[in-house]
Every structure is written in structure tokens, then in C-alpha cells.
Amino acid sequence: MQRVQREGLVMLRRPGTKLTESDDFLGDPCFAYRMTRNGEGDTFSPIADFFCAEKQWWKAHLTEIPDFLFGSDYQWSEALRVMFTKYGAKDVTGVCYREAKHA
């Protein structure tokens, strides 16, 4: 957050999550669930992979965010999703995706 300008956006996403060309998330606070991309289309998973809000929004709500270890579990992202939803963040599922792992 230190490098972001006052009006800038702070985006938090899981490793391996890529943004689409869409800019639907610009403006209001938002989050997106996981879409896994493979040759047959995208598959939805109820895991929040992406969070975005203006720097001032993050600063205003920082004291409500507990200390997290950003691991591969889903607890931290679910807690953030609940907080984002509490403040009216919009669901922009589809603005990001992960590539399917091939066996």
C-alpha cells in the first residue's frame, strides 16, 4: 500500500491468478471468485481469489482485518470476502482466472 498513490487501487490476488482484459472492477470495492480456465471453458469454484479497492478504503477498514498468514488455505480469503460483502463490495467474478493444472 505504501507505493500506491492516494487515489490508487490496491489489488490482492492469490498466486497464479491472472486478470482478464476487463476493467469491470475499477471504482467500487470488489471481489471475485475463482474461475479455472481450461480448453473446455471456465469452471467456477466458491473460493475468493481477488480483492480490489481504493487505497483509502483499505486504510479505513484495516483495523477490522485480523492478522492473516496468506497460505494456500481458504480461511483468510473467506474472511476478507465476508468483510468486503459487509461493506457492499460487488462480485466481479470473471475478471480473473487460474489456468487448470494438467495431470
PDB file of N, CA and C in Angstrom:
ATOM      1  N   MET A   1       0.816  -1.200   0.000  1.00  0.00           N
ATOM      2  CA  MET A   1       0.000   0.000   0.000  1.00  0.00           C
ATOM      3  C   MET A   1       0.855   1.257   0.000  1.00  0.00           C
ATOM      4  N   GLN A   2       2.080   1.147   0.461  1.00  0.00           N
ATOM      5  CA  GLN A   2       2.931   2.332   0.545  1.00  0.00           C
ATOM      6  C   GLN A   2       3.249   2.916  -0.819  1.00  0.00           C
ATOM      7  N   ARG A   3       3.309   2.093  -1.847  1.00  0.00           N
ATOM      8  CA  ARG A   3       3.671   2.581  -3.179  1.00  0.00           C
ATOM      9  C   ARG A   3       2.482   3.080  -3.984  1.00  0.00           C
ATOM     10  N   VAL A   4       1.286   2.836  -3.503  1.00  0.00           N
ATOM     11  CA  VAL A   4       0.082   3.235  -4.236  1.00  0.00           C
ATOM     12  C   VAL A   4      -0.259   4.679  -3.919  1.00  0.00           C
ATOM     13  N   GLN A   5      -0.581   5.441  -4.961  1.00  0.00           N
ATOM     14  CA  GLN A   5      -0.992   6.830  -4.773  1.00  0.00           C
ATOM     15  C   GLN A   5      -2.296   6.888  -3.981  1.00  0.00           C
ATOM     16  N   ARG A   6      -2.599   8.033  -3.441  1.00  0.00           N
ATOM     17  CA  ARG A   6      -3.777   8.221  -2.590  1.00  0.00           C
ATOM     18  C   ARG A   6      -5.063   7.711  -3.235  1.00  0.00           C
ATOM     19  N   GLU A   7      -5.264   7.973  -4.501  1.00  0.00           N
ATOM     20  CA  GLU A   7      -6.487   7.561  -5.199  1.00  0.00           C
ATOM     21  C   GLU A   7      -6.321   6.208  -5.903  1.00  0.00           C
ATOM     22  N   GLY A   8      -5.175   5.586  -5.741  1.00  0.00           N
ATOM     23  CA  GLY A   8      -4.893   4.351  -6.468  1.00  0.00           C
ATOM     24  C   GLY A   8      -5.616   3.135  -5.923  1.00  0.00           C
ATOM     25  N   LEU A   9      -5.611   2.080  -6.742  1.00  0.00           N
ATOM     26  CA  LEU A   9      -6.239   0.824  -6.369  1.00  0.00           C
ATOM     27  C   LEU A   9      -5.219  -0.123  -5.763  1.00  0.00           C
ATOM     28  N   VAL A  10      -5.648  -0.841  -4.727  1.00  0.00           N
ATOM     29  CA  VAL A  10      -4.849  -1.903  -4.131  1.00  0.00           C
ATOM     30  C   VAL A  10      -5.553  -3.205  -4.480  1.00  0.00           C
ATOM     31  N   MET A  11      -4.833  -4.084  -5.179  1.00  0.00           N
ATOM     32  CA  MET A  11      -5.382  -5.367  -5.587  1.00  0.00           C
ATOM     33  C   MET A  11      -4.646  -6.478  -4.859  1.00  0.00           C
ATOM     34  N   LEU A  12      -5.417  -7.392  -4.320  1.00  0.00           N
ATOM     35  CA  LEU A  12      -4.860  -8.553  -3.643  1.00  0.00           C
ATOM     36  C   LEU A  12      -5.386  -9.780  -4.363  1.00  0.00           C
ATOM     37  N   ARG A  13      -4.473 -10.629  -4.845  1.00  0.00           N
ATOM     38  CA  ARG A  13      -4.902 -11.839  -5.531  1.00  0.00           C
ATOM     39  C   ARG A  13      -3.967 -12.981  -5.196  1.00  0.00           C
ATOM     40  N   ARG A  14      -4.508 -14.180  -5.273  1.00  0.00           N
ATOM     41  CA  ARG A  14      -3.711 -15.371  -4.995  1.00  0.00           C
ATOM     42  C   ARG A  14      -2.664 -15.570  -6.093  1.00  0.00           C
ATOM     43  N   PRO A  15      -1.527 -16.184  -5.745  1.00  0.00           N
ATOM     44  CA  PRO A  15      -0.535 -16.505  -6.775  1.00  0.00           C
ATOM     45  C   PRO A  15      -1.164 -17.369  -7.868  1.00  0.00           C
ATOM     46  N   GLY A  16      -0.806 -17.119  -9.094  1.00  0.00           N
ATOM     47  CA  GLY A  16      -1.324 -17.880 -10.223  1.00  0.00           C
ATOM     48  C   GLY A  16      -2.626 -17.338 -10.777  1.00  0.00           C
ATOM     49  N   THR A  17      -3.179 -16.310 -10.144  1.00  0.00           N
ATOM     50  CA  THR A  17      -4.418 -15.706 -10.624  1.00  0.00           C
ATOM     51  C   THR A  17      -4.072 -14.621 -11.631  1.00  0.00           C
ATOM     52  N   LYS A  18      -4.684 -14.693 -12.804  1.00  0.00           N
ATOM     53  CA  LYS A  18      -4.419 -13.734 -13.865  1.00  0.00           C
ATOM     54  C   LYS A  18      -5.656 -12.883 -14.104  1.00  0.00           C
ATOM     55  N   LEU A  19      -5.441 -11.632 -14.457  1.00  0.00           N
ATOM     56  CA  LEU A  19      -6.552 -10.732 -14.773  1.00  0.00           C
ATOM     57  C   LEU A  19      -6.914 -10.855 -16.240  1.00  0.00           C
ATOM     58  N   THR A  20      -8.204 -10.743 -16.542  1.00  0.00           N
ATOM     59  CA  THR A  20      -8.657 -10.699 -17.923  1.00  0.00           C
ATOM     60  C   THR A  20      -8.454  -9.269 -18.424  1.00  0.00           C
ATOM     61  N   GLU A  21      -8.874  -9.002 -19.618  1.00  0.00           N
ATOM     62  CA  GLU A  21      -8.761  -7.660 -20.178  1.00  0.00           C
ATOM     63  C   GLU A  21      -9.848  -6.731 -19.658  1.00  0.00           C
ATOM     64  N   SER A  22     -10.782  -7.247 -18.900  1.00  0.00           N
ATOM     65  CA  SER A  22     -11.905  -6.465 -18.389  1.00  0.00           C
ATOM     66  C   SER A  22     -11.433  -5.444 -17.356  1.00  0.00           C
ATOM     67  N   ASP A  23     -12.120  -4.310 -17.308  1.00  0.00           N
ATOM     68  CA  ASP A  23     -11.849  -3.328 -16.264  1.00  0.00           C
ATOM     69  C   ASP A  23     -13.117  -3.104 -15.424  1.00  0.00           C
ATOM     70  N   ASP A  24     -13.973  -4.125 -15.373  1.00  0.00           N
ATOM     71  CA  ASP A  24     -15.229  -4.044 -14.629  1.00  0.00           C
ATOM     72  C   ASP A  24     -15.024  -3.780 -13.140  1.00  0.00           C
ATOM     73  N   PHE A  25     -13.854  -4.080 -12.631  1.00  0.00           N
ATOM     74  CA  PHE A  25     -13.612  -3.930 -11.204  1.00  0.00           C
ATOM     75  C   PHE A  25     -13.171  -2.519 -10.821  1.00  0.00           C
ATOM     76  N   LEU A  26     -12.935  -1.660 -11.765  1.00  0.00           N
ATOM     77  CA  LEU A  26     -12.481  -0.311 -11.449  1.00  0.00           C
ATOM     78  C   LEU A  26     -13.568   0.479 -10.727  1.00  0.00           C
ATOM     79  N   GLY A  27     -13.173   1.182  -9.706  1.00  0.00           N
ATOM     80  CA  GLY A  27     -14.125   2.018  -8.969  1.00  0.00           C
ATOM     81  C   GLY A  27     -14.466   1.458  -7.612  1.00  0.00           C
ATOM     82  N   ASP A  28     -15.608   0.812  -7.511  1.00  0.00           N
ATOM     83  CA  ASP A  28     -16.098   0.321  -6.231  1.00  0.00           C
ATOM     84  C   ASP A  28     -15.258  -0.837  -5.709  1.00  0.00           C
ATOM     85  N   PRO A  29     -15.246  -1.034  -4.376  1.00  0.00           N
ATOM     86  CA  PRO A  29     -14.600  -2.228  -3.824  1.00  0.00           C
ATOM     87  C   PRO A  29     -15.256  -3.478  -4.413  1.00  0.00           C
ATOM     88  N   CYS A  30     -14.451  -4.494  -4.686  1.00  0.00           N
ATOM     89  CA  CYS A  30     -14.985  -5.701  -5.300  1.00  0.00           C
ATOM     90  C   CYS A  30     -14.137  -6.915  -4.951  1.00  0.00           C
ATOM     91  N   PHE A  31     -14.696  -8.066  -5.238  1.00  0.00           N
ATOM     92  CA  PHE A  31     -14.002  -9.330  -5.068  1.00  0.00           C
ATOM     93  C   PHE A  31     -14.435 -10.245  -6.204  1.00  0.00           C
ATOM     94  N   ALA A  32     -13.678 -11.307  -6.434  1.00  0.00           N
ATOM     95  CA  ALA A  32     -14.043 -12.266  -7.485  1.00  0.00           C
ATOM     96  C   ALA A  32     -13.737 -13.675  -7.012  1.00  0.00           C
ATOM     97  N   TYR A  33     -14.675 -14.563  -7.322  1.00  0.00           N
ATOM     98  CA  TYR A  33     -14.480 -15.984  -7.046  1.00  0.00           C
ATOM     99  C   TYR A  33     -13.596 -16.599  -8.131  1.00  0.00           C
ATOM    100  N   ARG A  34     -13.104 -17.775  -7.829  1.00  0.00           N
ATOM    101  CA  ARG A  34     -12.185 -18.468  -8.728  1.00  0.00           C
ATOM    102  C   ARG A  34     -12.897 -19.006  -9.968  1.00  0.00           C
ATOM    103  N   MET A  35     -12.296 -18.728 -11.096  1.00  0.00           N
ATOM    104  CA  MET A  35     -12.673 -19.346 -12.361  1.00  0.00           C
ATOM    105  C   MET A  35     -11.424 -20.071 -12.853  1.00  0.00           C
ATOM    106  N   THR A  36     -11.556 -21.360 -13.120  1.00  0.00           N
ATOM    107  CA  THR A  36     -10.433 -22.150 -13.617  1.00  0.00           C
ATOM    108  C   THR A  36     -10.627 -22.335 -15.111  1.00  0.00           C
ATOM    109  N   ARG A  37      -9.635 -21.913 -15.868  1.00  0.00           N
ATOM    110  CA  ARG A  37      -9.717 -21.918 -17.334  1.00  0.00           C
ATOM    111  C   ARG A  37      -9.050 -23.176 -17.875  1.00  0.00           C
ATOM    112  N   ASN A  38      -9.781 -23.859 -18.745  1.00  0.00           N
ATOM    113  CA  ASN A  38      -9.210 -24.991 -19.471  1.00  0.00           C
ATOM    114  C   ASN A  38      -9.742 -24.949 -20.896  1.00  0.00           C
ATOM    115  N   GLY A  39      -9.396 -25.906 -21.698  1.00  0.00           N
ATOM    116  CA  GLY A  39      -9.786 -25.890 -23.106  1.00  0.00           C
ATOM    117  C   GLY A  39     -11.281 -26.004 -23.345  1.00  0.00           C
ATOM    118  N   GLU A  40     -12.027 -26.428 -22.343  1.00  0.00           N
ATOM    119  CA  GLU A  40     -13.470 -26.612 -22.500  1.00  0.00           C
ATOM    120  C   GLU A  40     -14.276 -25.459 -21.938  1.00  0.00           C
ATOM    121  N   GLY A  41     -13.626 -24.431 -21.446  1.00  0.00           N
ATOM    122  CA  GLY A  41     -14.323 -23.289 -20.855  1.00  0.00           C
ATOM    123  C   GLY A  41     -13.870 -23.067 -19.417  1.00  0.00           C
ATOM    124  N   ASP A  42     -14.536 -22.170 -18.730  1.00  0.00           N
ATOM    125  CA  ASP A  42     -14.172 -21.841 -17.358  1.00  0.00           C
ATOM    126  C   ASP A  42     -15.072 -22.592 -16.379  1.00  0.00           C
ATOM    127  N   THR A  43     -14.479 -22.983 -15.253  1.00  0.00           N
ATOM    128  CA  THR A  43     -15.205 -23.678 -14.201  1.00  0.00           C
ATOM    129  C   THR A  43     -15.178 -22.829 -12.942  1.00  0.00           C
ATOM    130  N   PHE A  44     -16.332 -22.647 -12.328  1.00  0.00           N
ATOM    131  CA  PHE A  44     -16.485 -21.848 -11.111  1.00  0.00           C
ATOM    132  C   PHE A  44     -16.116 -22.666  -9.882  1.00  0.00           C
ATOM    133  N   SER A  45     -15.443 -22.036  -8.928  1.00  0.00           N
ATOM    134  CA  SER A  45     -15.194 -22.606  -7.600  1.00  0.00           C
ATOM    135  C   SER A  45     -15.505 -21.532  -6.570  1.00  0.00           C
ATOM    136  N   PRO A  46     -16.137 -21.893  -5.457  1.00  0.00           N
ATOM    137  CA  PRO A  46     -16.512 -20.883  -4.452  1.00  0.00           C
ATOM    138  C   PRO A  46     -15.340 -20.476  -3.558  1.00  0.00           C
ATOM    139  N   ILE A  47     -14.263 -20.028  -4.188  1.00  0.00           N
ATOM    140  CA  ILE A  47     -13.063 -19.594  -3.488  1.00  0.00           C
ATOM    141  C   ILE A  47     -12.737 -18.189  -3.980  1.00  0.00           C
ATOM    142  N   ALA A  48     -12.666 -17.228  -3.084  1.00  0.00           N
ATOM    143  CA  ALA A  48     -12.345 -15.857  -3.497  1.00  0.00           C
ATOM    144  C   ALA A  48     -10.844 -15.753  -3.770  1.00  0.00           C
ATOM    145  N   ASP A  49     -10.506 -15.349  -4.983  1.00  0.00           N
ATOM    146  CA  ASP A  49      -9.105 -15.236  -5.407  1.00  0.00           C
ATOM    147  C   ASP A  49      -8.642 -13.796  -5.590  1.00  0.00           C
ATOM    148  N   PHE A  50      -9.560 -12.838  -5.576  1.00  0.00           N
ATOM    149  CA  PHE A  50      -9.207 -11.472  -5.964  1.00  0.00           C
ATOM    150  C   PHE A  50     -10.007 -10.466  -5.141  1.00  0.00           C
ATOM    151  N   PHE A  51      -9.314  -9.438  -4.659  1.00  0.00           N
ATOM    152  CA  PHE A  51      -9.931  -8.337  -3.912  1.00  0.00           C
ATOM    153  C   PHE A  51      -9.339  -7.038  -4.433  1.00  0.00           C
ATOM    154  N   CYS A  52     -10.186  -6.019  -4.586  1.00  0.00           N
ATOM    155  CA  CYS A  52      -9.710  -4.743  -5.103  1.00  0.00           C
ATOM    156  C   CYS A  52     -10.518  -3.602  -4.494  1.00  0.00           C
ATOM    157  N   ALA A  53      -9.815  -2.564  -4.059  1.00  0.00           N
ATOM    158  CA  ALA A  53     -10.465  -1.358  -3.537  1.00  0.00           C
ATOM    159  C   ALA A  53      -9.444  -0.228  -3.573  1.00  0.00           C
ATOM    160  N   GLU A  54      -9.946   0.997  -3.499  1.00  0.00           N
ATOM    161  CA  GLU A  54      -9.045   2.143  -3.434  1.00  0.00           C
ATOM    162  C   GLU A  54      -8.250   2.090  -2.133  1.00  0.00           C
ATOM    163  N   LYS A  55      -7.091   2.666  -2.175  1.00  0.00           N
ATOM    164  CA  LYS A  55      -6.206   2.678  -1.016  1.00  0.00           C
ATOM    165  C   LYS A  55      -6.909   3.223   0.225  1.00  0.00           C
ATOM    166  N   GLN A  56      -7.691   4.276   0.067  1.00  0.00           N
ATOM    167  CA  GLN A  56      -8.374   4.876   1.219  1.00  0.00           C
ATOM    168  C   GLN A  56      -9.393   3.919   1.829  1.00  0.00           C
ATOM    169  N   TRP A  57     -10.028   3.076   1.014  1.00  0.00           N
ATOM    170  CA  TRP A  57     -10.969   2.088   1.534  1.00  0.00           C
ATOM    171  C   TRP A  57     -10.239   1.085   2.405  1.00  0.00           C
ATOM    172  N   TRP A  58      -9.106   0.576   1.909  1.00  0.00           N
ATOM    173  CA  TRP A  58      -8.309  -0.377   2.695  1.00  0.00           C
ATOM    174  C   TRP A  58      -7.881   0.259   4.021  1.00  0.00           C
ATOM    175  N   LYS A  59      -7.408   1.496   3.948  1.00  0.00           N
ATOM    176  CA  LYS A  59      -6.949   2.164   5.174  1.00  0.00           C
ATOM    177  C   LYS A  59      -8.097   2.350   6.168  1.00  0.00           C
ATOM    178  N   ALA A  60      -9.287   2.673   5.683  1.00  0.00           N
ATOM    179  CA  ALA A  60     -10.438   2.888   6.553  1.00  0.00           C
ATOM    180  C   ALA A  60     -10.868   1.601   7.257  1.00  0.00           C
ATOM    181  N   HIS A  61     -10.624   0.454   6.639  1.00  0.00           N
ATOM    182  CA  HIS A  61     -11.091  -0.826   7.193  1.00  0.00           C
ATOM    183  C   HIS A  61      -9.959  -1.711   7.710  1.00  0.00           C
ATOM    184  N   LEU A  62      -8.749  -1.212   7.682  1.00  0.00           N
ATOM    185  CA  LEU A  62      -7.591  -2.019   8.062  1.00  0.00           C
ATOM    186  C   LEU A  62      -7.685  -2.575   9.479  1.00  0.00           C
ATOM    187  N   THR A  63      -8.229  -1.798  10.395  1.00  0.00           N
ATOM    188  CA  THR A  63      -8.309  -2.274  11.787  1.00  0.00           C
ATOM    189  C   THR A  63      -9.292  -3.434  11.938  1.00  0.00           C
ATOM    190  N   GLU A  64     -10.188  -3.632  10.983  1.00  0.00           N
ATOM    191  CA  GLU A  64     -11.139  -4.738  11.034  1.00  0.00           C
ATOM    192  C   GLU A  64     -10.566  -6.032  10.467  1.00  0.00           C
ATOM    193  N   ILE A  65      -9.463  -5.935   9.756  1.00  0.00           N
ATOM    194  CA  ILE A  65      -8.866  -7.113   9.138  1.00  0.00           C
ATOM    195  C   ILE A  65      -7.922  -7.750  10.155  1.00  0.00           C
ATOM    196  N   PRO A  66      -8.202  -8.995  10.552  1.00  0.00           N
ATOM    197  CA  PRO A  66      -7.315  -9.651  11.512  1.00  0.00           C
ATOM    198  C   PRO A  66      -5.963  -9.969  10.880  1.00  0.00           C
ATOM    199  N   ASP A  67      -4.999 -10.311  11.707  1.00  0.00           N
ATOM    200  CA  ASP A  67      -3.699 -10.727  11.196  1.00  0.00           C
ATOM    201  C   ASP A  67      -3.882 -12.063  10.472  1.00  0.00           C
ATOM    202  N   PHE A  68      -3.393 -12.141   9.255  1.00  0.00           N
ATOM    203  CA  PHE A  68      -3.516 -13.342   8.451  1.00  0.00           C
ATOM    204  C   PHE A  68      -2.151 -13.873   8.063  1.00  0.00           C
ATOM    205  N   LEU A  69      -2.078 -15.178   7.925  1.00  0.00           N
ATOM    206  CA  LEU A  69      -0.991 -15.814   7.204  1.00  0.00           C
ATOM    207  C   LEU A  69      -1.585 -16.147   5.846  1.00  0.00           C
ATOM    208  N   PHE A  70      -1.022 -15.576   4.799  1.00  0.00           N
ATOM    209  CA  PHE A  70      -1.560 -15.786   3.468  1.00  0.00           C
ATOM    210  C   PHE A  70      -1.021 -17.088   2.903  1.00  0.00           C
ATOM    211  N   GLY A  71      -1.638 -18.182   3.319  1.00  0.00           N
ATOM    212  CA  GLY A  71      -1.240 -19.507   2.868  1.00  0.00           C
ATOM    213  C   GLY A  71      -2.147 -20.002   1.761  1.00  0.00           C
ATOM    214  N   SER A  72      -2.075 -21.294   1.501  1.00  0.00           N
ATOM    215  CA  SER A  72      -2.889 -21.885   0.446  1.00  0.00           C
ATOM    216  C   SER A  72      -4.280 -22.269   0.945  1.00  0.00           C
ATOM    217  N   ASP A  73      -4.557 -22.035   2.223  1.00  0.00           N
ATOM    218  CA  ASP A  73      -5.879 -22.324   2.764  1.00  0.00           C
ATOM    219  C   ASP A  73      -6.886 -21.288   2.270  1.00  0.00           C
ATOM    220  N   TYR A  74      -8.141 -21.463   2.672  1.00  0.00           N
ATOM    221  CA  TYR A  74      -9.192 -20.569   2.202  1.00  0.00           C
ATOM    222  C   TYR A  74      -9.770 -19.693   3.307  1.00  0.00           C
ATOM    223  N   GLN A  75      -9.271 -19.828   4.533  1.00  0.00           N
ATOM    224  CA  GLN A  75      -9.837 -19.061   5.640  1.00  0.00           C
ATOM    225  C   GLN A  75      -9.622 -17.560   5.484  1.00  0.00           C
ATOM    226  N   TRP A  76      -8.425 -17.146   5.121  1.00  0.00           N
ATOM    227  CA  TRP A  76      -8.156 -15.707   5.025  1.00  0.00           C
ATOM    228  C   TRP A  76      -8.991 -15.069   3.913  1.00  0.00           C
ATOM    229  N   SER A  77      -9.115 -15.749   2.777  1.00  0.00           N
ATOM    230  CA  SER A  77      -9.874 -15.143   1.681  1.00  0.00           C
ATOM    231  C   SER A  77     -11.372 -15.129   1.985  1.00  0.00           C
ATOM    232  N   GLU A  78     -11.859 -16.120   2.708  1.00  0.00           N
ATOM    233  CA  GLU A  78     -13.270 -16.119   3.072  1.00  0.00           C
ATOM    234  C   GLU A  78     -13.558 -15.005   4.075  1.00  0.00           C
ATOM    235  N   ALA A  79     -12.650 -14.789   5.024  1.00  0.00           N
ATOM    236  CA  ALA A  79     -12.828 -13.693   5.990  1.00  0.00           C
ATOM    237  C   ALA A  79     -12.832 -12.337   5.277  1.00  0.00           C
ATOM    238  N   LEU A  80     -11.926 -12.146   4.328  1.00  0.00           N
ATOM    239  CA  LEU A  80     -11.913 -10.890   3.563  1.00  0.00           C
ATOM    240  C   LEU A  80     -13.173 -10.740   2.718  1.00  0.00           C
ATOM    241  N   ARG A  81     -13.619 -11.830   2.103  1.00  0.00           N
ATOM    242  CA  ARG A  81     -14.827 -11.765   1.289  1.00  0.00           C
ATOM    243  C   ARG A  81     -16.034 -11.349   2.136  1.00  0.00           C
ATOM    244  N   VAL A  82     -16.142 -11.894   3.342  1.00  0.00           N
ATOM    245  CA  VAL A  82     -17.248 -11.524   4.232  1.00  0.00           C
ATOM    246  C   VAL A  82     -17.167 -10.039   4.583  1.00  0.00           C
ATOM    247  N   MET A  83     -15.977  -9.550   4.880  1.00  0.00           N
ATOM    248  CA  MET A  83     -15.834  -8.138   5.207  1.00  0.00           C
ATOM    249  C   MET A  83     -16.161  -7.260   3.992  1.00  0.00           C
ATOM    250  N   PHE A  84     -15.657  -7.618   2.831  1.00  0.00           N
ATOM    251  CA  PHE A  84     -15.954  -6.850   1.621  1.00  0.00           C
ATOM    252  C   PHE A  84     -17.459  -6.821   1.369  1.00  0.00           C
ATOM    253  N   THR A  85     -18.106  -7.973   1.512  1.00  0.00           N
ATOM    254  CA  THR A  85     -19.554  -8.057   1.310  1.00  0.00           C
ATOM    255  C   THR A  85     -20.302  -7.193   2.323  1.00  0.00           C
ATOM    256  N   LYS A  86     -19.841  -7.192   3.550  1.00  0.00           N
ATOM    257  CA  LYS A  86     -20.461  -6.378   4.612  1.00  0.00           C
ATOM    258  C   LYS A  86     -20.540  -4.908   4.201  1.00  0.00           C
ATOM    259  N   TYR A  87     -19.548  -4.431   3.481  1.00  0.00           N
ATOM    260  CA  TYR A  87     -19.496  -3.027   3.064  1.00  0.00           C
ATOM    261  C   TYR A  87     -19.954  -2.815   1.623  1.00  0.00           C
ATOM    262  N   GLY A  88     -20.700  -3.769   1.088  1.00  0.00           N
ATOM    263  CA  GLY A  88     -21.327  -3.565  -0.209  1.00  0.00           C
ATOM    264  C   GLY A  88     -20.444  -3.771  -1.420  1.00  0.00           C
ATOM    265  N   ALA A  89     -19.324  -4.454  -1.266  1.00  0.00           N
ATOM    266  CA  ALA A  89     -18.453  -4.704  -2.422  1.00  0.00           C
ATOM    267  C   ALA A  89     -19.196  -5.534  -3.457  1.00  0.00           C
ATOM    268  N   LYS A  90     -18.898  -5.285  -4.708  1.00  0.00           N
ATOM    269  CA  LYS A  90     -19.576  -6.031  -5.760  1.00  0.00           C
ATOM    270  C   LYS A  90     -18.771  -7.266  -6.148  1.00  0.00           C
ATOM    271  N   ASP A  91     -19.489  -8.270  -6.552  1.00  0.00           N
ATOM    272  CA  ASP A  91     -18.907  -9.522  -7.030  1.00  0.00           C
ATOM    273  C   ASP A  91     -18.620  -9.359  -8.515  1.00  0.00           C
ATOM    274  N   VAL A  92     -17.353  -9.409  -8.886  1.00  0.00           N
ATOM    275  CA  VAL A  92     -16.958  -9.245 -10.287  1.00  0.00           C
ATOM    276  C   VAL A  92     -16.342 -10.536 -10.836  1.00  0.00           C
ATOM    277  N   THR A  93     -16.876 -11.658 -10.374  1.00  0.00           N
ATOM    278  CA  THR A  93     -16.375 -12.951 -10.837  1.00  0.00           C
ATOM    279  C   THR A  93     -16.344 -12.961 -12.358  1.00  0.00           C
ATOM    280  N   GLY A  94     -15.204 -13.369 -12.876  1.00  0.00           N
ATOM    281  CA  GLY A  94     -14.991 -13.375 -14.323  1.00  0.00           C
ATOM    282  C   GLY A  94     -13.890 -12.427 -14.756  1.00  0.00           C
ATOM    283  N   VAL A  95     -13.469 -11.507 -13.865  1.00  0.00           N
ATOM    284  CA  VAL A  95     -12.395 -10.586 -14.241  1.00  0.00           C
ATOM    285  C   VAL A  95     -11.015 -11.198 -14.007  1.00  0.00           C
ATOM    286  N   CYS A  96     -10.994 -12.404 -13.418  1.00  0.00           N
ATOM    287  CA  CYS A  96      -9.721 -13.096 -13.212  1.00  0.00           C
ATOM    288  C   CYS A  96      -9.940 -14.595 -13.350  1.00  0.00           C
ATOM    289  N   TYR A  97      -8.851 -15.313 -13.522  1.00  0.00           N
ATOM    290  CA  TYR A  97      -8.930 -16.767 -13.704  1.00  0.00           C
ATOM    291  C   TYR A  97      -7.607 -17.400 -13.325  1.00  0.00           C
ATOM    292  N   ARG A  98      -7.635 -18.712 -13.207  1.00  0.00           N
ATOM    293  CA  ARG A  98      -6.432 -19.521 -12.998  1.00  0.00           C
ATOM    294  C   ARG A  98      -6.407 -20.584 -14.087  1.00  0.00           C
ATOM    295  N   GLU A  99      -5.226 -20.904 -14.548  1.00  0.00           N
ATOM    296  CA  GLU A  99      -5.097 -21.962 -15.542  1.00  0.00           C
ATOM    297  C   GLU A  99      -5.295 -23.311 -14.851  1.00  0.00           C
ATOM    298  N   ALA A 100      -5.970 -24.237 -15.522  1.00  0.00           N
ATOM    299  CA  ALA A 100      -6.173 -25.586 -14.986  1.00  0.00           C
ATOM    300  C   ALA A 100      -4.826 -26.284 -14.899  1.00  0.00           C
ATOM    301  N   LYS A 101      -4.650 -27.039 -13.834  1.00  0.00           N
ATOM    302  CA  LYS A 101      -3.432 -27.861 -13.698  1.00  0.00           C
ATOM    303  C   LYS A 101      -3.626 -29.115 -14.519  1.00  0.00           C
ATOM    304  N   HIS A 102      -2.625 -29.419 -15.296  1.00  0.00           N
ATOM    305  CA  HIS A 102      -2.708 -30.615 -16.135  1.00  0.00           C
ATOM    306  C   HIS A 102      -1.997 -31.768 -15.445  1.00  0.00           C
ATOM    307  N   ALA A 103      -2.612 -32.919 -15.500  1.00  0.00           N
ATOM    308  CA  ALA A 103      -2.053 -34.119 -14.842  1.00  0.00           C
ATOM    309  C   ALA A 103      -0.909 -34.697 -15.624  1.00  0.00           C
TER     310      ALA A 103
END
